[in-house]
Amino acid sequence: MQKEKIIIISSVLVDVIGFGIVIPILPFYVTEFGASASTITMMFASFSFCAFLSSPLLGALSDRVGRRPILIFSITTTAVGWMVFAGAHSIWQLFLGRIIDGIAAGNFTTAQSYMVDISKNPEERTKNLGMIGAAFGIGFILGPFVGGMLSTISHAFPFWIAGALASLNAILAYFFLPETHTKPDSKKPISFNPFSPLIRAAQDRNLRPLYITWSFFSFAIVTYQAVFGLFLSDVFHFSAFQTGMMFAIIGIVIVLNQGFLLQKIWLKKLSEWQLEIFMLSALAVSSFMISTQILILFYLSLLGYGTGQAVLRVVLTSQAAAATDPSKKGETIGILSALMSAYMVIAPLLAGWVYEIYYSGPYIISSVLLLTGIYFTWKFKRYRESTLHDEFKA
């Protein structure tokens, strides 16, 4: 494996372990401040709003000045954000910590751009993005487990550890991470309008159908995630440690899919369009199963949820990169991130409001969104096939 791949994957792994440590604990920690479900989801939305503003700008900047400085800046900001969050004494300080983190939330997007840069062909590009996803999954196995253990000390302690890990990651990236974008365009204009990537996405006839599929997927998956910890606590009465174990199970499913099944089975047996239909269906069924509030169906739903999101993220991102001019790959991946971030602003607010009315409501909405996504993906089948090459068959 190339030295660059090892460093980038290690960087993503450390970053996601820190993120995974705090995700299961977050609802339990925030409720200690007297926050309601809608306040907690508003906190998610505040981070996402800042990420929506920053992600496309960071993606375009990485095309202009290089990937390395943007990634180091992003990781450093994450470290500061988690430490402010850990040391908070009031709800407004919690919001401040998430806002600081969101200001430069480009870690994962820039890492994806790194892996696209060093890919020699479409097959390697998909494989490299899958490796990033596998590192994400491993982090989601280790992180929640460690977070659950650390939460027995205090609910704030895991956030201090997450900040320390991000600080270590920034130091390692500074000393060991090479620059892979060897031909940055220093004259490329940079737009400070956060809506310009969304406008370009709407105007891009070739990628518009893919963006529509990504949008329904994003809206549904964020709605699913926004109240996940609260749902497990309120419906199944899980502890912080048990919630961490559920995230770890999802991580195992993601690793199996992106580290093995994606290359060995999914991409060999199905076209990218068939994979999209199948994985959207798996996610829709999984969301519905959770909404039943039946414990055994919830456990089974984790398989469909982990598999669906693991495969869709890689396939859709790889297709977007394949259809983009080499000088704009970072910007295009930034557009995907901007779309995801936009829905991460809207969906938590909707999910929090609906959740306070009916616990299963967000999961019913998620299922309906995914079914709608299947309809549009099917509708645009011929157009997609005429504009995007079927590069994912082995």
Protein backbone atom coordinates (compact mmCIF):
# COMPACT_ATOMS: atom_id res chain seq x y z
CA MET A 1 0.00 0.00 0.00
CA GLN A 2 1.25 3.49 -0.86
CA LYS A 3 2.66 5.55 2.00
CA GLU A 4 0.10 8.29 1.25
CA LYS A 5 -2.80 5.85 1.59
CA ILE A 6 -1.57 4.58 4.95
CA ILE A 7 -1.19 8.10 6.34
CA ILE A 8 -4.56 9.31 5.03
CA ILE A 9 -6.42 6.22 6.23
CA SER A 10 -4.71 6.45 9.64
CA SER A 11 -5.71 10.11 9.85
CA VAL A 12 -9.34 9.29 9.06
CA LEU A 13 -9.30 6.38 11.52
CA VAL A 14 -8.04 8.50 14.44
CA ASP A 15 -10.53 11.24 13.57
CA VAL A 16 -13.50 8.85 13.43
CA ILE A 17 -12.49 7.05 16.63
CA GLY A 18 -12.69 10.44 18.37
CA PHE A 19 -16.04 11.13 16.73
CA GLY A 20 -17.29 7.63 17.55
CA ILE A 21 -16.34 8.02 21.20
CA VAL A 22 -18.76 10.92 21.70
CA ILE A 23 -21.73 10.11 19.43
CA PRO A 24 -23.43 7.56 21.74
CA ILE A 25 -22.77 9.74 24.80
CA LEU A 26 -23.94 13.03 23.32
CA PRO A 27 -27.68 12.78 24.20
CA PHE A 28 -26.90 11.64 27.74
CA TYR A 29 -24.36 14.44 28.28
CA VAL A 30 -26.57 17.19 26.86
CA THR A 31 -29.65 16.16 28.83
CA GLU A 32 -27.64 16.82 32.01
CA PHE A 33 -27.99 20.51 31.07
CA GLY A 34 -31.79 20.17 30.90
CA ALA A 35 -31.97 20.15 27.10
CA SER A 36 -35.10 18.80 25.39
CA ALA A 37 -35.14 16.59 22.29
CA SER A 38 -35.71 19.60 20.04
CA THR A 39 -32.81 21.48 21.70
CA ILE A 40 -30.50 18.50 21.17
CA THR A 41 -31.42 18.22 17.49
CA MET A 42 -31.04 22.01 17.15
CA MET A 43 -27.49 21.55 18.43
CA PHE A 44 -26.86 19.03 15.66
CA ALA A 45 -28.33 21.54 13.21
CA SER A 46 -26.03 24.35 14.40
CA PHE A 47 -22.96 22.24 13.61
CA SER A 48 -24.44 21.25 10.26
CA PHE A 49 -25.31 24.83 9.32
CA CYS A 50 -21.69 25.89 9.84
CA ALA A 51 -20.52 22.82 7.90
CA PHE A 52 -22.92 23.79 5.11
CA LEU A 53 -21.27 27.20 4.95
CA SER A 54 -17.71 25.88 5.10
CA SER A 55 -17.57 22.53 3.27
CA PRO A 56 -17.88 23.72 -0.36
CA LEU A 57 -15.48 26.58 0.34
CA LEU A 58 -12.94 24.18 1.85
CA GLY A 59 -13.38 21.79 -1.07
CA ALA A 60 -12.71 24.57 -3.59
CA LEU A 61 -9.79 25.87 -1.51
CA SER A 62 -8.24 22.40 -1.48
CA ASP A 63 -8.28 22.51 -5.30
CA ARG A 64 -6.56 25.90 -5.19
CA VAL A 65 -3.99 25.63 -2.38
CA GLY A 66 -3.72 21.86 -1.86
CA ARG A 67 -5.31 19.21 0.34
CA ARG A 68 -2.75 19.19 3.16
CA PRO A 69 -3.22 22.69 4.69
CA ILE A 70 -7.01 22.40 4.54
CA LEU A 71 -7.03 19.03 6.30
CA ILE A 72 -4.66 20.19 9.05
CA PHE A 73 -6.75 23.32 9.65
CA SER A 74 -9.95 21.27 9.75
CA ILE A 75 -8.61 18.70 12.24
CA THR A 76 -7.26 21.46 14.51
CA THR A 77 -10.64 23.17 14.57
CA THR A 78 -12.28 19.88 15.48
CA ALA A 79 -9.94 19.53 18.47
CA VAL A 80 -10.80 23.03 19.73
CA GLY A 81 -14.52 22.43 19.25
CA TRP A 82 -14.59 19.21 21.27
CA MET A 83 -12.59 20.76 24.13
CA VAL A 84 -14.95 23.73 24.36
CA PHE A 85 -17.85 21.26 24.37
CA ALA A 86 -16.25 19.14 27.11
CA GLY A 87 -15.60 22.13 29.35
CA ALA A 88 -19.07 23.66 28.90
CA HIS A 89 -21.06 24.84 31.93
CA SER A 90 -24.17 25.95 30.07
CA ILE A 91 -26.18 25.14 26.95
CA TRP A 92 -24.84 28.14 25.01
CA GLN A 93 -21.29 26.84 25.51
CA LEU A 94 -22.38 23.47 24.13
CA PHE A 95 -23.67 25.26 21.05
CA LEU A 96 -20.39 27.21 20.78
CA GLY A 97 -18.37 23.98 20.79
CA ARG A 98 -20.41 22.50 17.96
CA ILE A 99 -20.26 25.75 15.97
CA ILE A 100 -16.45 25.91 16.24
CA ASP A 101 -16.21 22.32 14.99
CA GLY A 102 -18.61 23.06 12.13
CA ILE A 103 -16.70 26.12 10.94
CA ALA A 104 -14.11 23.85 9.29
CA ALA A 105 -15.84 20.50 9.05
CA GLY A 106 -13.91 19.31 6.02
CA ASN A 107 -11.91 16.38 7.41
CA PHE A 108 -13.72 13.56 5.64
CA THR A 109 -14.35 15.47 2.39
CA THR A 110 -10.69 16.45 2.04
CA ALA A 111 -9.58 12.88 2.81
CA GLN A 112 -11.83 11.63 0.02
CA SER A 113 -10.25 14.16 -2.35
CA TYR A 114 -6.80 12.84 -1.32
CA MET A 115 -7.79 9.31 -2.27
CA VAL A 116 -9.27 10.43 -5.59
CA ASP A 117 -6.04 12.31 -6.38
CA ILE A 118 -3.86 9.20 -6.04
CA SER A 119 -6.22 6.87 -7.95
CA LYS A 120 -4.91 5.67 -11.31
CA ASN A 121 -8.21 4.36 -12.73
CA PRO A 122 -11.95 4.14 -11.90
CA GLU A 123 -11.61 0.74 -10.23
CA GLU A 124 -8.85 1.99 -7.93
CA ARG A 125 -10.82 5.17 -7.20
CA THR A 126 -13.83 3.15 -6.01
CA LYS A 127 -11.52 0.86 -4.02
CA ASN A 128 -9.75 3.83 -2.39
CA LEU A 129 -13.04 5.45 -1.41
CA GLY A 130 -14.11 2.10 -0.02
CA MET A 131 -10.95 1.99 2.12
CA ILE A 132 -11.83 5.42 3.53
CA GLY A 133 -15.29 4.07 4.31
CA ALA A 134 -13.81 0.97 5.93
CA ALA A 135 -11.61 3.17 8.16
CA PHE A 136 -14.77 5.08 9.05
CA GLY A 137 -16.45 1.81 9.98
CA ILE A 138 -13.51 0.61 12.11
CA GLY A 139 -13.60 3.94 13.94
CA PHE A 140 -17.28 3.37 14.58
CA ILE A 141 -16.47 -0.04 16.06
CA LEU A 142 -13.69 1.14 18.37
CA GLY A 143 -14.98 4.62 19.17
CA PRO A 144 -18.41 3.78 20.65
CA PHE A 145 -16.94 0.90 22.64
CA VAL A 146 -14.25 3.16 24.13
CA GLY A 147 -16.80 5.95 24.63
CA GLY A 148 -19.14 3.62 26.48
CA MET A 149 -16.33 2.60 28.82
CA LEU A 150 -15.17 6.20 29.36
CA SER A 151 -18.73 7.33 30.11
CA THR A 152 -18.60 5.28 33.31
CA ILE A 153 -16.14 7.89 34.60
CA SER A 154 -18.30 10.84 33.56
CA HIS A 155 -20.33 11.87 30.52
CA ALA A 156 -17.93 14.78 29.89
CA PHE A 157 -14.72 12.69 29.96
CA PRO A 158 -15.16 11.12 26.46
CA PHE A 159 -15.31 14.60 24.92
CA TRP A 160 -11.95 15.53 26.45
CA ILE A 161 -10.48 12.33 24.97
CA ALA A 162 -12.00 13.14 21.57
CA GLY A 163 -10.35 16.57 21.69
CA ALA A 164 -7.01 15.03 22.65
CA LEU A 165 -7.21 12.51 19.79
CA ALA A 166 -8.00 15.27 17.30
CA SER A 167 -5.02 17.27 18.59
CA LEU A 168 -2.75 14.25 18.14
CA ASN A 169 -4.16 13.73 14.66
CA ALA A 170 -3.38 17.34 13.69
CA ILE A 171 0.22 16.95 14.89
CA LEU A 172 0.71 13.69 12.97
CA ALA A 173 -0.80 15.22 9.82
CA TYR A 174 1.49 18.25 10.08
CA PHE A 175 4.68 16.17 10.28
CA PHE A 176 3.86 13.17 8.10
CA LEU A 177 1.02 13.94 5.65
CA PRO A 178 2.26 14.69 2.11
CA GLU A 179 0.54 16.87 -0.48
CA THR A 180 -1.17 14.79 -3.19
CA HIS A 181 -2.76 17.59 -5.23
CA THR A 182 0.40 18.30 -7.19
CA LYS A 183 -1.16 20.74 -9.68
CA PRO A 184 -3.27 23.16 -7.64
CA ASP A 185 -4.93 25.97 -9.59
CA SER A 186 -3.77 29.10 -7.75
CA LYS A 187 -5.88 31.33 -10.01
CA LYS A 188 -9.12 29.46 -9.51
CA PRO A 189 -11.85 31.87 -8.32
CA ILE A 190 -13.35 31.11 -4.92
CA SER A 191 -17.02 31.80 -4.25
CA PHE A 192 -18.02 32.78 -0.70
CA ASN A 193 -21.70 32.24 -1.46
CA PRO A 194 -22.65 28.98 0.37
CA PHE A 195 -25.60 28.49 -1.96
CA SER A 196 -23.49 28.62 -5.13
CA PRO A 197 -22.60 24.88 -4.95
CA LEU A 198 -26.30 24.04 -4.65
CA ILE A 199 -27.06 26.30 -7.63
CA ARG A 200 -24.32 24.61 -9.65
CA ALA A 201 -25.69 21.22 -8.62
CA ALA A 202 -29.14 22.21 -9.88
CA GLN A 203 -27.68 23.51 -13.16
CA ASP A 204 -25.43 20.50 -13.84
CA ARG A 205 -27.56 18.41 -16.22
CA ASN A 206 -25.16 15.46 -16.19
CA LEU A 207 -24.96 15.14 -12.41
CA ARG A 208 -28.41 16.46 -11.49
CA PRO A 209 -30.06 13.00 -11.31
CA LEU A 210 -27.22 11.73 -9.12
CA TYR A 211 -27.58 14.75 -6.85
CA ILE A 212 -31.32 14.03 -6.53
CA THR A 213 -30.63 10.46 -5.41
CA TRP A 214 -27.97 11.74 -2.99
CA SER A 215 -30.45 14.29 -1.62
CA PHE A 216 -33.15 11.77 -0.74
CA PHE A 217 -30.51 9.47 0.75
CA SER A 218 -29.00 12.33 2.79
CA PHE A 219 -32.30 13.68 4.11
CA ALA A 220 -33.43 10.20 5.13
CA ILE A 221 -30.18 9.11 6.76
CA VAL A 222 -29.82 12.33 8.79
CA THR A 223 -33.45 12.09 9.95
CA TYR A 224 -32.64 8.52 11.05
CA GLN A 225 -29.47 9.50 12.91
CA ALA A 226 -30.66 12.73 14.57
CA VAL A 227 -32.78 10.99 17.23
CA PHE A 228 -31.13 7.56 17.26
CA GLY A 229 -29.58 7.87 20.74
CA LEU A 230 -32.74 9.41 22.17
CA PHE A 231 -34.87 6.67 20.60
CA LEU A 232 -32.77 3.90 22.14
CA SER A 233 -32.94 5.58 25.55
CA ASP A 234 -36.66 6.42 25.51
CA VAL A 235 -38.07 3.35 23.72
CA PHE A 236 -35.69 0.52 24.67
CA HIS A 237 -34.22 2.13 27.83
CA PHE A 238 -30.64 1.56 26.68
CA SER A 239 -27.76 3.02 28.69
CA ALA A 240 -24.93 5.06 27.16
CA PHE A 241 -22.80 1.92 27.04
CA GLN A 242 -25.53 -0.13 25.29
CA THR A 243 -26.06 2.68 22.80
CA GLY A 244 -22.33 2.63 22.10
CA MET A 245 -22.53 -1.09 21.36
CA MET A 246 -25.27 -0.47 18.78
CA PHE A 247 -23.02 2.01 16.99
CA ALA A 248 -20.21 -0.56 17.16
CA ILE A 249 -22.44 -3.16 15.47
CA ILE A 250 -23.21 -0.67 12.70
CA GLY A 251 -19.47 -0.06 12.36
CA ILE A 252 -18.81 -3.78 11.94
CA VAL A 253 -21.42 -3.96 9.17
CA ILE A 254 -19.86 -0.94 7.43
CA VAL A 255 -16.36 -2.44 7.59
CA LEU A 256 -17.53 -5.79 6.21
CA ASN A 257 -19.24 -4.06 3.30
CA GLN A 258 -16.65 -1.44 2.39
CA GLY A 259 -13.60 -3.55 3.21
CA PHE A 260 -14.74 -6.82 1.63
CA LEU A 261 -18.27 -7.20 0.23
CA LEU A 262 -18.15 -4.05 -1.93
CA GLN A 263 -15.31 -5.35 -4.12
CA LYS A 264 -15.94 -9.09 -3.85
CA ILE A 265 -19.71 -9.20 -4.27
CA TRP A 266 -21.65 -5.97 -4.77
CA LEU A 267 -19.60 -4.45 -7.61
CA LYS A 268 -19.18 -7.83 -9.32
CA LYS A 269 -22.82 -8.89 -9.26
CA LEU A 270 -24.71 -5.62 -9.72
CA SER A 271 -24.42 -2.44 -11.77
CA GLU A 272 -24.21 0.88 -9.96
CA TRP A 273 -27.86 1.63 -10.78
CA GLN A 274 -29.00 -1.75 -9.41
CA LEU A 275 -26.92 -1.15 -6.28
CA GLU A 276 -28.62 2.20 -5.74
CA ILE A 277 -32.12 0.68 -5.99
CA PHE A 278 -31.21 -2.27 -3.77
CA MET A 279 -29.49 -0.21 -1.07
CA LEU A 280 -32.19 2.48 -1.00
CA SER A 281 -34.71 -0.35 -0.54
CA ALA A 282 -32.65 -1.89 2.27
CA LEU A 283 -32.52 1.46 4.06
CA ALA A 284 -36.27 2.05 3.61
CA VAL A 285 -37.10 -1.36 5.08
CA SER A 286 -34.65 -0.80 7.96
CA SER A 287 -36.24 2.53 8.87
CA PHE A 288 -39.69 0.97 8.86
CA MET A 289 -38.50 -1.91 11.05
CA ILE A 290 -37.18 0.54 13.66
CA SER A 291 -40.49 2.43 13.63
CA THR A 292 -42.30 -0.71 14.85
CA GLN A 293 -40.51 -0.36 18.24
CA ILE A 294 -40.03 -4.15 18.29
CA LEU A 295 -36.59 -4.97 19.71
CA ILE A 296 -35.80 -7.99 17.51
CA LEU A 297 -36.75 -6.03 14.36
CA PHE A 298 -34.55 -3.18 15.55
CA TYR A 299 -31.55 -5.50 15.84
CA LEU A 300 -32.20 -6.90 12.34
CA SER A 301 -32.58 -3.38 10.92
CA LEU A 302 -28.97 -2.55 11.82
CA LEU A 303 -27.79 -4.90 9.07
CA GLY A 304 -29.77 -3.09 6.38
CA TYR A 305 -28.89 0.33 7.72
CA GLY A 306 -25.14 -0.33 7.89
CA THR A 307 -25.03 -2.05 4.49
CA GLY A 308 -27.20 0.50 2.69
CA GLN A 309 -25.33 3.60 3.76
CA ALA A 310 -21.89 1.97 3.41
CA VAL A 311 -22.41 1.02 -0.24
CA LEU A 312 -24.42 4.07 -1.35
CA ARG A 313 -21.88 6.58 -0.04
CA VAL A 314 -19.04 4.97 -2.01
CA VAL A 315 -20.93 4.35 -5.25
CA LEU A 316 -22.50 7.80 -5.48
CA THR A 317 -19.28 9.61 -4.51
CA SER A 318 -17.25 7.61 -7.03
CA GLN A 319 -19.77 8.32 -9.80
CA ALA A 320 -19.65 12.04 -9.04
CA ALA A 321 -15.84 12.03 -9.18
CA ALA A 322 -15.90 10.05 -12.45
CA ALA A 323 -18.11 12.60 -14.20
CA THR A 324 -16.11 15.65 -13.09
CA ASP A 325 -13.19 17.53 -14.61
CA PRO A 326 -9.97 16.52 -12.76
CA SER A 327 -9.39 20.13 -11.66
CA LYS A 328 -12.81 20.26 -9.98
CA LYS A 329 -13.00 16.92 -8.18
CA GLY A 330 -12.53 18.52 -4.76
CA GLU A 331 -15.28 21.02 -5.54
CA THR A 332 -17.67 18.28 -6.70
CA ILE A 333 -17.09 16.20 -3.59
CA GLY A 334 -17.57 19.44 -1.66
CA ILE A 335 -20.98 19.84 -3.35
CA LEU A 336 -21.99 16.38 -2.13
CA SER A 337 -20.86 17.41 1.35
CA ALA A 338 -22.77 20.70 1.04
CA LEU A 339 -25.96 18.87 0.10
CA MET A 340 -25.49 16.49 3.03
CA SER A 341 -24.82 19.45 5.33
CA ALA A 342 -27.92 21.29 4.09
CA TYR A 343 -30.08 18.33 5.03
CA MET A 344 -28.19 18.03 8.33
CA VAL A 345 -29.55 21.50 9.12
CA ILE A 346 -33.16 20.80 8.12
CA ALA A 347 -33.59 17.14 9.05
CA PRO A 348 -32.62 17.34 12.78
CA LEU A 349 -35.03 20.24 13.32
CA LEU A 350 -37.83 18.26 11.68
CA ALA A 351 -36.85 15.05 13.48
CA GLY A 352 -36.72 16.73 16.90
CA TRP A 353 -40.15 18.32 16.47
CA VAL A 354 -41.75 15.10 15.18
CA TYR A 355 -40.01 12.98 17.84
CA GLU A 356 -41.58 14.99 20.65
CA ILE A 357 -45.00 14.13 19.14
CA TYR A 358 -44.33 10.47 18.30
CA TYR A 359 -41.09 8.56 18.88
CA SER A 360 -41.35 6.52 15.66
CA GLY A 361 -42.31 9.50 13.49
CA PRO A 362 -38.79 10.34 12.22
CA TYR A 363 -38.27 6.74 11.08
CA ILE A 364 -41.55 6.68 9.18
CA ILE A 365 -40.53 9.92 7.45
CA SER A 366 -37.11 8.42 6.67
CA SER A 367 -38.71 5.38 5.07
CA VAL A 368 -41.02 7.53 2.91
CA LEU A 369 -38.08 9.68 1.74
CA LEU A 370 -36.11 6.59 0.71
CA LEU A 371 -39.06 5.15 -1.20
CA THR A 372 -39.36 8.49 -3.02
CA GLY A 373 -35.65 8.30 -3.78
CA ILE A 374 -36.17 4.87 -5.34
CA TYR A 375 -38.89 6.31 -7.60
CA PHE A 376 -36.67 9.12 -8.91
CA THR A 377 -33.66 6.84 -9.32
CA TRP A 378 -35.81 4.49 -11.40
CA LYS A 379 -37.29 7.40 -13.36
CA PHE A 380 -33.87 8.75 -14.34
CA LYS A 381 -32.39 5.33 -15.21
CA ARG A 382 -32.04 5.87 -18.96
CA TYR A 383 -30.73 9.39 -18.59
CA ARG A 384 -28.15 8.30 -16.02
CA GLU A 385 -26.97 5.46 -18.27
CA SER A 386 -26.51 7.83 -21.21
CA THR A 387 -24.46 10.38 -19.25
CA LEU A 388 -22.47 8.30 -16.79
CA HIS A 389 -20.41 5.28 -17.80
CA ASP A 390 -20.97 2.02 -16.01
CA GLU A 391 -17.50 2.02 -14.48
CA PHE A 392 -18.29 -0.06 -11.44
CA LYS A 393 -18.69 -3.48 -12.98
CA ALA A 394 -15.67 -5.66 -12.43
